[in-house]
Amino acid sequence: MRIAIFSDIHGNLPALEAFVADTRADVDMYVCLGDVVNYGPWNDECLELTLSLPGIILLEGNHERLFLGHEDIAHELPLVQQFYHHSIQNFTRRDLILDLPAEHPIGTFTCTHTIAGQRIYRDTAIEVDRDYLIGHSHHAFHIERTGFHIVNCGSIGQNRRRLDYFSYVLFDTASSRFTLTEREYPVAPLLTEMIRQGYPQPCLDYYRSKLPVQQQPS
């Protein structure tokens, strides 16, 4: 069985649609590690598309908890608060993020949004007692710690290196092999919709800072 593991869509429908088009013919099921919502303008649509995927397992991320009121937005950075207050305005599908599980096993791996709430990067010092497939930090990588694998599938909708790329992991259960994959997608519709919806300038500036100049609509 081939499984696509992905995370951190963040309301970016064009990126999610490109990911689905890239994987639909080649995988048997999907696992989403959370943070479908917030930042982008298409929270409802991203949840609905994600939950329509074959064999989908949807896990809870910290931004689902923010949208449910289980975490306090006041504890977030001011820029995150600006994104949140704008993104949540048109959100209506609270029912789709209630009672989501925190983890799911695949072979020797535990799939979860992150480990102990940490932002884990390639150089993070951390001790683990099992293999993990995670998201949360929006950077794709594979590291080994204390004899175990930590694989971060990166982000579909808010790649911190280049916003116009999405990344994910393909996992083959027969061989227990995983492949980190990154693809470019047309990002202009995302920024155009954010401008149309009147997103605050700091939000637009942040997203533009993750793009080459030629990709930035006015």
C-alpha atoms as a PDB file:
ATOM      1  CA  MET A   1       0.000   0.000   0.000  1.00  0.00           C
ATOM      2  CA  ARG A   2       1.173   3.513  -0.829  1.00  0.00           C
ATOM      3  CA  ILE A   3       0.183   6.269   1.579  1.00  0.00           C
ATOM      4  CA  ALA A   4       0.519  10.030   1.086  1.00  0.00           C
ATOM      5  CA  ILE A   5       1.268  11.798   4.368  1.00  0.00           C
ATOM      6  CA  PHE A   6       0.816  15.568   4.366  1.00  0.00           C
ATOM      7  CA  SER A   7       0.353  18.458   6.770  1.00  0.00           C
ATOM      8  CA  ASP A   8      -0.101  22.187   7.269  1.00  0.00           C
ATOM      9  CA  ILE A   9      -2.469  23.107   4.435  1.00  0.00           C
ATOM     10  CA  HIS A  10      -3.454  26.330   6.184  1.00  0.00           C
ATOM     11  CA  GLY A  11      -6.440  27.247   4.038  1.00  0.00           C
ATOM     12  CA  ASN A  12      -4.445  27.191   0.791  1.00  0.00           C
ATOM     13  CA  LEU A  13      -6.800  25.521  -1.687  1.00  0.00           C
ATOM     14  CA  PRO A  14      -4.657  25.923  -4.856  1.00  0.00           C
ATOM     15  CA  ALA A  15      -1.752  24.137  -3.145  1.00  0.00           C
ATOM     16  CA  LEU A  16      -4.028  21.371  -1.827  1.00  0.00           C
ATOM     17  CA  GLU A  17      -5.600  20.840  -5.238  1.00  0.00           C
ATOM     18  CA  ALA A  18      -2.148  20.604  -6.824  1.00  0.00           C
ATOM     19  CA  PHE A  19      -1.076  18.047  -4.205  1.00  0.00           C
ATOM     20  CA  VAL A  20      -4.180  15.937  -4.807  1.00  0.00           C
ATOM     21  CA  ALA A  21      -3.617  16.045  -8.567  1.00  0.00           C
ATOM     22  CA  ASP A  22       0.005  14.983  -8.023  1.00  0.00           C
ATOM     23  CA  THR A  23      -0.873  11.964  -5.860  1.00  0.00           C
ATOM     24  CA  ARG A  24      -4.395  10.722  -6.605  1.00  0.00           C
ATOM     25  CA  ALA A  25      -3.389   8.180  -9.273  1.00  0.00           C
ATOM     26  CA  ASP A  26      -0.506   6.727  -7.253  1.00  0.00           C
ATOM     27  CA  VAL A  27      -1.684   6.300  -3.656  1.00  0.00           C
ATOM     28  CA  ASP A  28      -4.182   4.101  -1.834  1.00  0.00           C
ATOM     29  CA  MET A  29      -4.861   6.314   1.192  1.00  0.00           C
ATOM     30  CA  TYR A  30      -3.991   9.625   2.790  1.00  0.00           C
ATOM     31  CA  VAL A  31      -2.973  10.747   6.272  1.00  0.00           C
ATOM     32  CA  CYS A  32      -3.153  14.451   7.142  1.00  0.00           C
ATOM     33  CA  LEU A  33      -1.164  15.493  10.202  1.00  0.00           C
ATOM     34  CA  GLY A  34      -3.302  18.550  10.953  1.00  0.00           C
ATOM     35  CA  ASP A  35      -3.344  22.325  10.529  1.00  0.00           C
ATOM     36  CA  VAL A  36      -5.756  22.269   7.627  1.00  0.00           C
ATOM     37  CA  VAL A  37      -7.085  25.646   8.799  1.00  0.00           C
ATOM     38  CA  ASN A  38      -5.884  29.197   9.478  1.00  0.00           C
ATOM     39  CA  TYR A  39      -3.779  31.704   7.536  1.00  0.00           C
ATOM     40  CA  GLY A  40      -5.384  31.147   4.117  1.00  0.00           C
ATOM     41  CA  PRO A  41      -8.874  32.089   2.846  1.00  0.00           C
ATOM     42  CA  TRP A  42     -10.309  28.604   2.097  1.00  0.00           C
ATOM     43  CA  ASN A  43     -10.669  26.799   5.437  1.00  0.00           C
ATOM     44  CA  ASP A  44     -14.028  25.146   4.719  1.00  0.00           C
ATOM     45  CA  GLU A  45     -13.033  24.101   1.217  1.00  0.00           C
ATOM     46  CA  CYS A  46      -9.707  22.628   2.341  1.00  0.00           C
ATOM     47  CA  LEU A  47     -11.375  20.597   5.076  1.00  0.00           C
ATOM     48  CA  GLU A  48     -14.022  19.295   2.702  1.00  0.00           C
ATOM     49  CA  LEU A  49     -11.486  18.302   0.038  1.00  0.00           C
ATOM     50  CA  THR A  50      -9.158  16.700   2.587  1.00  0.00           C
ATOM     51  CA  LEU A  51     -11.964  14.618   4.066  1.00  0.00           C
ATOM     52  CA  SER A  52     -13.021  13.442   0.591  1.00  0.00           C
ATOM     53  CA  LEU A  53      -9.674  11.733  -0.072  1.00  0.00           C
ATOM     54  CA  PRO A  54      -9.487   7.907  -0.172  1.00  0.00           C
ATOM     55  CA  GLY A  55      -9.007   6.298   3.247  1.00  0.00           C
ATOM     56  CA  ILE A  56      -8.298   9.683   4.834  1.00  0.00           C
ATOM     57  CA  ILE A  57      -7.080   9.880   8.411  1.00  0.00           C
ATOM     58  CA  LEU A  58      -7.201  13.482   9.673  1.00  0.00           C
ATOM     59  CA  LEU A  59      -5.273  14.309  12.838  1.00  0.00           C
ATOM     60  CA  GLU A  60      -5.600  17.395  15.020  1.00  0.00           C
ATOM     61  CA  GLY A  61      -3.077  20.216  14.722  1.00  0.00           C
ATOM     62  CA  ASN A  62      -2.593  23.243  16.928  1.00  0.00           C
ATOM     63  CA  HIS A  63      -4.525  25.479  14.518  1.00  0.00           C
ATOM     64  CA  GLU A  64      -7.581  23.228  14.737  1.00  0.00           C
ATOM     65  CA  ARG A  65      -7.354  23.714  18.496  1.00  0.00           C
ATOM     66  CA  LEU A  66      -7.129  27.484  17.965  1.00  0.00           C
ATOM     67  CA  PHE A  67     -10.238  27.440  15.764  1.00  0.00           C
ATOM     68  CA  LEU A  68     -12.105  25.389  18.372  1.00  0.00           C
ATOM     69  CA  GLY A  69     -11.080  27.762  21.168  1.00  0.00           C
ATOM     70  CA  HIS A  70      -9.059  25.070  22.939  1.00  0.00           C
ATOM     71  CA  GLU A  71      -5.934  27.246  22.761  1.00  0.00           C
ATOM     72  CA  ASP A  72      -5.744  31.003  23.367  1.00  0.00           C
ATOM     73  CA  ILE A  73      -4.909  33.048  20.267  1.00  0.00           C
ATOM     74  CA  ALA A  74      -3.555  35.778  22.561  1.00  0.00           C
ATOM     75  CA  HIS A  75      -0.527  33.566  23.219  1.00  0.00           C
ATOM     76  CA  GLU A  76       0.429  33.614  19.521  1.00  0.00           C
ATOM     77  CA  LEU A  77       2.686  36.098  17.736  1.00  0.00           C
ATOM     78  CA  PRO A  78       0.969  39.322  16.566  1.00  0.00           C
ATOM     79  CA  LEU A  79       1.278  38.287  12.896  1.00  0.00           C
ATOM     80  CA  VAL A  80      -0.369  34.923  13.612  1.00  0.00           C
ATOM     81  CA  GLN A  81      -3.164  36.777  15.395  1.00  0.00           C
ATOM     82  CA  GLN A  82      -3.719  38.981  12.340  1.00  0.00           C
ATOM     83  CA  PHE A  83      -3.915  35.952  10.055  1.00  0.00           C
ATOM     84  CA  TYR A  84      -6.249  34.187  12.496  1.00  0.00           C
ATOM     85  CA  HIS A  85      -8.733  37.028  12.916  1.00  0.00           C
ATOM     86  CA  HIS A  86      -9.053  37.413   9.152  1.00  0.00           C
ATOM     87  CA  SER A  87      -8.987  33.726   8.189  1.00  0.00           C
ATOM     88  CA  ILE A  88     -11.617  32.598  10.696  1.00  0.00           C
ATOM     89  CA  GLN A  89     -14.248  35.121   9.549  1.00  0.00           C
ATOM     90  CA  ASN A  90     -15.723  32.830   6.876  1.00  0.00           C
ATOM     91  CA  PHE A  91     -15.134  29.524   8.689  1.00  0.00           C
ATOM     92  CA  THR A  92     -18.343  27.481   9.095  1.00  0.00           C
ATOM     93  CA  ARG A  93     -17.248  23.820   9.326  1.00  0.00           C
ATOM     94  CA  ARG A  94     -16.442  23.524  13.024  1.00  0.00           C
ATOM     95  CA  ASP A  95     -18.164  20.142  12.883  1.00  0.00           C
ATOM     96  CA  LEU A  96     -15.344  18.770  10.718  1.00  0.00           C
ATOM     97  CA  ILE A  97     -12.606  19.412  13.301  1.00  0.00           C
ATOM     98  CA  LEU A  98     -14.331  18.168  16.450  1.00  0.00           C
ATOM     99  CA  ASP A  99     -12.780  15.205  18.302  1.00  0.00           C
ATOM    100  CA  LEU A 100      -9.923  14.590  15.871  1.00  0.00           C
ATOM    101  CA  PRO A 101      -7.331  12.019  16.980  1.00  0.00           C
ATOM    102  CA  ALA A 102      -3.835  13.146  17.950  1.00  0.00           C
ATOM    103  CA  GLU A 103      -1.903  10.274  16.356  1.00  0.00           C
ATOM    104  CA  HIS A 104      -2.112   7.304  14.005  1.00  0.00           C
ATOM    105  CA  PRO A 105       0.272   4.344  13.514  1.00  0.00           C
ATOM    106  CA  ILE A 106       1.795   3.393  10.153  1.00  0.00           C
ATOM    107  CA  GLY A 107       4.221   0.495  10.425  1.00  0.00           C
ATOM    108  CA  THR A 108       6.864   1.430  12.990  1.00  0.00           C
ATOM    109  CA  PHE A 109       5.979   5.126  12.688  1.00  0.00           C
ATOM    110  CA  THR A 110       3.701   7.202  14.866  1.00  0.00           C
ATOM    111  CA  CYS A 111       2.018   9.886  12.754  1.00  0.00           C
ATOM    112  CA  THR A 112       1.288  13.025  14.761  1.00  0.00           C
ATOM    113  CA  HIS A 113       1.306  16.776  14.232  1.00  0.00           C
ATOM    114  CA  THR A 114       4.469  17.180  16.279  1.00  0.00           C
ATOM    115  CA  ILE A 115       6.256  15.750  19.307  1.00  0.00           C
ATOM    116  CA  ALA A 116       5.449  17.215  22.730  1.00  0.00           C
ATOM    117  CA  GLY A 117       4.314  20.481  21.155  1.00  0.00           C
ATOM    118  CA  GLN A 118       7.790  21.314  19.859  1.00  0.00           C
ATOM    119  CA  ARG A 119       8.800  22.938  16.588  1.00  0.00           C
ATOM    120  CA  ILE A 120      11.255  20.374  15.312  1.00  0.00           C
ATOM    121  CA  TYR A 121      13.846  21.228  12.685  1.00  0.00           C
ATOM    122  CA  ARG A 122      16.734  19.364  11.083  1.00  0.00           C
ATOM    123  CA  ASP A 123      19.142  20.538  13.806  1.00  0.00           C
ATOM    124  CA  THR A 124      16.803  20.096  16.802  1.00  0.00           C
ATOM    125  CA  ALA A 125      18.280  18.119  19.696  1.00  0.00           C
ATOM    126  CA  ILE A 126      15.585  15.716  20.836  1.00  0.00           C
ATOM    127  CA  GLU A 127      15.392  12.224  22.304  1.00  0.00           C
ATOM    128  CA  VAL A 128      12.643   9.887  21.073  1.00  0.00           C
ATOM    129  CA  ASP A 129      11.666   6.289  21.772  1.00  0.00           C
ATOM    130  CA  ARG A 130      10.061   5.461  18.412  1.00  0.00           C
ATOM    131  CA  ASP A 131       9.909   6.485  14.747  1.00  0.00           C
ATOM    132  CA  TYR A 132       7.832   9.587  13.978  1.00  0.00           C
ATOM    133  CA  LEU A 133       6.165  11.179  10.955  1.00  0.00           C
ATOM    134  CA  ILE A 134       5.422  14.819  11.814  1.00  0.00           C
ATOM    135  CA  GLY A 135       4.619  18.272  10.425  1.00  0.00           C
ATOM    136  CA  HIS A 136       4.190  21.605  12.267  1.00  0.00           C
ATOM    137  CA  SER A 137       7.501  23.344  11.468  1.00  0.00           C
ATOM    138  CA  HIS A 138       6.759  23.655   7.704  1.00  0.00           C
ATOM    139  CA  HIS A 139      10.210  22.288   6.798  1.00  0.00           C
ATOM    140  CA  ALA A 140      10.633  18.868   5.163  1.00  0.00           C
ATOM    141  CA  PHE A 141      13.510  16.673   6.367  1.00  0.00           C
ATOM    142  CA  HIS A 142      14.598  13.274   7.640  1.00  0.00           C
ATOM    143  CA  ILE A 143      16.808  13.004  10.731  1.00  0.00           C
ATOM    144  CA  GLU A 144      17.807  10.236  13.119  1.00  0.00           C
ATOM    145  CA  ARG A 145      17.748  10.695  16.880  1.00  0.00           C
ATOM    146  CA  THR A 146      18.582   8.098  19.538  1.00  0.00           C
ATOM    147  CA  GLY A 147      18.443   5.383  16.883  1.00  0.00           C
ATOM    148  CA  PHE A 148      14.997   6.326  15.550  1.00  0.00           C
ATOM    149  CA  HIS A 149      13.724   8.138  12.467  1.00  0.00           C
ATOM    150  CA  ILE A 150      11.970  11.509  12.530  1.00  0.00           C
ATOM    151  CA  VAL A 151      10.494  12.421   9.146  1.00  0.00           C
ATOM    152  CA  ASN A 152       8.874  15.826   8.675  1.00  0.00           C
ATOM    153  CA  CYS A 153       6.615  15.916   5.617  1.00  0.00           C
ATOM    154  CA  GLY A 154       6.833  19.704   5.373  1.00  0.00           C
ATOM    155  CA  SER A 155       3.844  21.842   4.425  1.00  0.00           C
ATOM    156  CA  ILE A 156       1.251  21.816   1.667  1.00  0.00           C
ATOM    157  CA  GLY A 157       0.105  25.410   2.005  1.00  0.00           C
ATOM    158  CA  GLN A 158       2.790  27.413   3.775  1.00  0.00           C
ATOM    159  CA  ASN A 159       6.259  26.194   2.864  1.00  0.00           C
ATOM    160  CA  ARG A 160       8.574  28.400   4.912  1.00  0.00           C
ATOM    161  CA  ARG A 161      11.336  28.253   2.299  1.00  0.00           C
ATOM    162  CA  ARG A 162       9.258  28.899  -0.844  1.00  0.00           C
ATOM    163  CA  LEU A 163       5.514  29.527  -0.641  1.00  0.00           C
ATOM    164  CA  ASP A 164       5.084  28.392  -4.260  1.00  0.00           C
ATOM    165  CA  TYR A 165       6.111  24.801  -3.413  1.00  0.00           C
ATOM    166  CA  PHE A 166       4.263  22.079  -1.513  1.00  0.00           C
ATOM    167  CA  SER A 167       5.871  19.017   0.068  1.00  0.00           C
ATOM    168  CA  TYR A 168       4.696  15.653   1.351  1.00  0.00           C
ATOM    169  CA  VAL A 169       5.845  12.095   2.097  1.00  0.00           C
ATOM    170  CA  LEU A 170       5.019   8.935   0.178  1.00  0.00           C
ATOM    171  CA  PHE A 171       5.179   5.827   2.358  1.00  0.00           C
ATOM    172  CA  ASP A 172       5.256   2.286   0.960  1.00  0.00           C
ATOM    173  CA  THR A 173       4.003  -0.131   3.608  1.00  0.00           C
ATOM    174  CA  ALA A 174       5.385  -3.189   1.792  1.00  0.00           C
ATOM    175  CA  SER A 175       8.981  -1.937   1.983  1.00  0.00           C
ATOM    176  CA  SER A 176       8.599   0.558   4.881  1.00  0.00           C
ATOM    177  CA  ARG A 177      10.332   3.086   2.633  1.00  0.00           C
ATOM    178  CA  PHE A 178       9.426   6.769   2.594  1.00  0.00           C
ATOM    179  CA  THR A 179      10.091   9.392  -0.058  1.00  0.00           C
ATOM    180  CA  LEU A 180      10.121  13.131   0.564  1.00  0.00           C
ATOM    181  CA  THR A 181       8.550  14.911  -2.403  1.00  0.00           C
ATOM    182  CA  GLU A 182       8.362  18.621  -3.303  1.00  0.00           C
ATOM    183  CA  ARG A 183       6.501  20.206  -6.219  1.00  0.00           C
ATOM    184  CA  GLU A 184       5.813  23.714  -7.506  1.00  0.00           C
ATOM    185  CA  TYR A 185       2.228  24.960  -7.858  1.00  0.00           C
ATOM    186  CA  PRO A 186       0.570  28.169  -9.174  1.00  0.00           C
ATOM    187  CA  VAL A 187       0.563  30.432  -6.118  1.00  0.00           C
ATOM    188  CA  ALA A 188      -0.895  33.580  -7.727  1.00  0.00           C
ATOM    189  CA  PRO A 189      -4.563  32.612  -7.059  1.00  0.00           C
ATOM    190  CA  LEU A 190      -3.813  32.411  -3.323  1.00  0.00           C
ATOM    191  CA  LEU A 191      -2.392  35.918  -3.092  1.00  0.00           C
ATOM    192  CA  THR A 192      -5.036  37.317  -5.427  1.00  0.00           C
ATOM    193  CA  GLU A 193      -7.801  35.947  -3.197  1.00  0.00           C
ATOM    194  CA  MET A 194      -6.127  37.242  -0.057  1.00  0.00           C
ATOM    195  CA  ILE A 195      -5.910  40.703  -1.618  1.00  0.00           C
ATOM    196  CA  ARG A 196      -9.569  40.474  -2.710  1.00  0.00           C
ATOM    197  CA  GLN A 197     -10.613  39.560   0.820  1.00  0.00           C
ATOM    198  CA  GLY A 198      -8.674  42.470   2.313  1.00  0.00           C
ATOM    199  CA  TYR A 199      -6.044  40.604   4.308  1.00  0.00           C
ATOM    200  CA  PRO A 200      -3.886  42.954   6.418  1.00  0.00           C
ATOM    201  CA  GLN A 201      -0.752  44.247   4.737  1.00  0.00           C
ATOM    202  CA  PRO A 202       1.641  42.484   7.178  1.00  0.00           C
ATOM    203  CA  CYS A 203       0.063  39.136   6.183  1.00  0.00           C
ATOM    204  CA  LEU A 204       0.492  39.867   2.480  1.00  0.00           C
ATOM    205  CA  ASP A 205       4.039  41.088   3.037  1.00  0.00           C
ATOM    206  CA  TYR A 206       4.928  37.918   4.925  1.00  0.00           C
ATOM    207  CA  TYR A 207       3.697  35.683   2.129  1.00  0.00           C
ATOM    208  CA  ARG A 208       5.417  37.800  -0.520  1.00  0.00           C
ATOM    209  CA  SER A 209       8.680  37.476   1.415  1.00  0.00           C
ATOM    210  CA  LYS A 210       8.531  33.732   0.702  1.00  0.00           C
ATOM    211  CA  LEU A 211       8.316  34.225  -3.072  1.00  0.00           C
ATOM    212  CA  PRO A 212      10.627  35.327  -5.885  1.00  0.00           C
ATOM    213  CA  VAL A 213       9.701  38.753  -7.243  1.00  0.00           C
ATOM    214  CA  GLN A 214       8.143  37.414 -10.466  1.00  0.00           C
ATOM    215  CA  GLN A 215       5.582  35.395  -8.468  1.00  0.00           C
ATOM    216  CA  GLN A 216       4.131  38.381  -6.606  1.00  0.00           C
ATOM    217  CA  PRO A 217       0.823  39.792  -7.867  1.00  0.00           C
ATOM    218  CA  SER A 218       0.212  43.447  -7.138  1.00  0.00           C
END
